[in-house]
Amino acid sequence: MNAGDIRCEEVIKQLFRYLDREVDEATDERIREHMAHCRDCFSRAEFERRLRERLRETTHEKAPQRLQRRLERLMKSF
């Protein structure tokens, strides 16, 4: 298998499914092999990975009490 088995366009198209581990084994292998040789695709994937990690870190913050009460009132109205 070589990096030519999959093109950059296909890697980018499949990137989010790849990062979410939603691609089959063969596609996963082809993308990993491609990124081992393609700095642009590797950089894009690494950026997306880090962005997701940062978003996960920041989503653990608790909403302010005022916002929580407001949301509770809204939920009760449904």
Protein backbone atom coordinates (compact mmCIF):
# COMPACT_ATOMS: atom_id res chain seq x y z
CA MET A 1 0.00 0.00 0.00
CA ASN A 2 1.31 3.49 -0.80
CA ALA A 3 0.14 7.02 -0.18
CA GLY A 4 -1.21 7.17 -3.74
CA ASP A 5 -4.01 4.73 -2.86
CA ILE A 6 -6.14 7.63 -1.63
CA ARG A 7 -6.09 11.27 -2.69
CA CYS A 8 -6.11 14.33 -0.45
CA GLU A 9 -9.64 15.19 -1.56
CA GLU A 10 -10.92 11.83 -0.34
CA VAL A 11 -9.04 12.14 2.96
CA ILE A 12 -10.60 15.56 3.57
CA LYS A 13 -14.02 14.26 2.58
CA GLN A 14 -13.71 11.36 5.06
CA LEU A 15 -11.81 13.27 7.77
CA PHE A 16 -14.64 13.77 10.27
CA ARG A 17 -15.85 10.19 9.90
CA TYR A 18 -12.22 9.06 10.34
CA LEU A 19 -11.78 11.15 13.49
CA ASP A 20 -15.09 9.80 14.83
CA ARG A 21 -13.89 6.26 14.04
CA GLU A 22 -16.82 5.69 11.72
CA VAL A 23 -14.86 4.41 8.71
CA ASP A 24 -14.19 0.77 7.97
CA GLU A 25 -10.81 -0.77 8.73
CA ALA A 26 -9.55 -0.59 5.14
CA THR A 27 -10.41 3.11 4.84
CA ASP A 28 -8.85 3.81 8.23
CA GLU A 29 -5.63 2.14 7.12
CA ARG A 30 -5.58 4.01 3.80
CA ILE A 31 -6.09 7.37 5.51
CA ARG A 32 -3.42 6.69 8.14
CA GLU A 33 -0.99 5.59 5.44
CA HIS A 34 -1.75 8.69 3.38
CA MET A 35 -1.26 11.02 6.35
CA ALA A 36 2.05 9.36 7.16
CA HIS A 37 3.32 10.75 3.85
CA CYS A 38 1.17 13.85 3.30
CA ARG A 39 2.03 16.72 5.60
CA ASP A 40 -0.97 18.82 4.51
CA CYS A 41 -3.55 16.16 5.36
CA PHE A 42 -1.75 15.26 8.58
CA SER A 43 -1.73 18.93 9.63
CA ARG A 44 -5.43 19.29 8.85
CA ALA A 45 -6.30 16.18 10.85
CA GLU A 46 -4.10 17.28 13.73
CA PHE A 47 -5.76 20.71 13.77
CA GLU A 48 -9.22 19.11 13.87
CA ARG A 49 -8.14 16.70 16.63
CA ARG A 50 -6.77 19.52 18.77
CA LEU A 51 -9.82 21.69 18.14
CA ARG A 52 -12.10 18.87 19.28
CA GLU A 53 -9.96 18.30 22.35
CA ARG A 54 -10.09 21.98 23.24
CA LEU A 55 -13.86 22.08 22.77
CA ARG A 56 -14.26 19.07 25.05
CA GLU A 57 -12.14 20.79 27.70
CA THR A 58 -14.17 23.97 27.60
CA THR A 59 -17.56 22.29 27.63
CA HIS A 60 -17.04 21.01 31.16
CA GLU A 61 -17.66 24.44 32.58
CA LYS A 62 -20.88 24.84 34.49
CA ALA A 63 -23.41 27.35 33.19
CA PRO A 64 -23.94 30.41 35.40
CA GLN A 65 -26.76 30.06 37.94
CA ARG A 66 -28.84 32.74 36.21
CA LEU A 67 -28.69 30.87 32.91
CA GLN A 68 -29.56 27.57 34.61
CA ARG A 69 -32.69 29.10 36.18
CA ARG A 70 -33.71 30.63 32.86
CA LEU A 71 -33.32 27.29 31.07
CA GLU A 72 -35.30 25.52 33.79
CA ARG A 73 -38.17 27.99 33.33
CA LEU A 74 -38.08 27.52 29.57
CA MET A 75 -38.12 23.73 29.92
CA LYS A 76 -41.12 23.86 32.27
CA SER A 77 -43.07 25.86 29.71
CA PHE A 78 -42.96 22.98 27.20
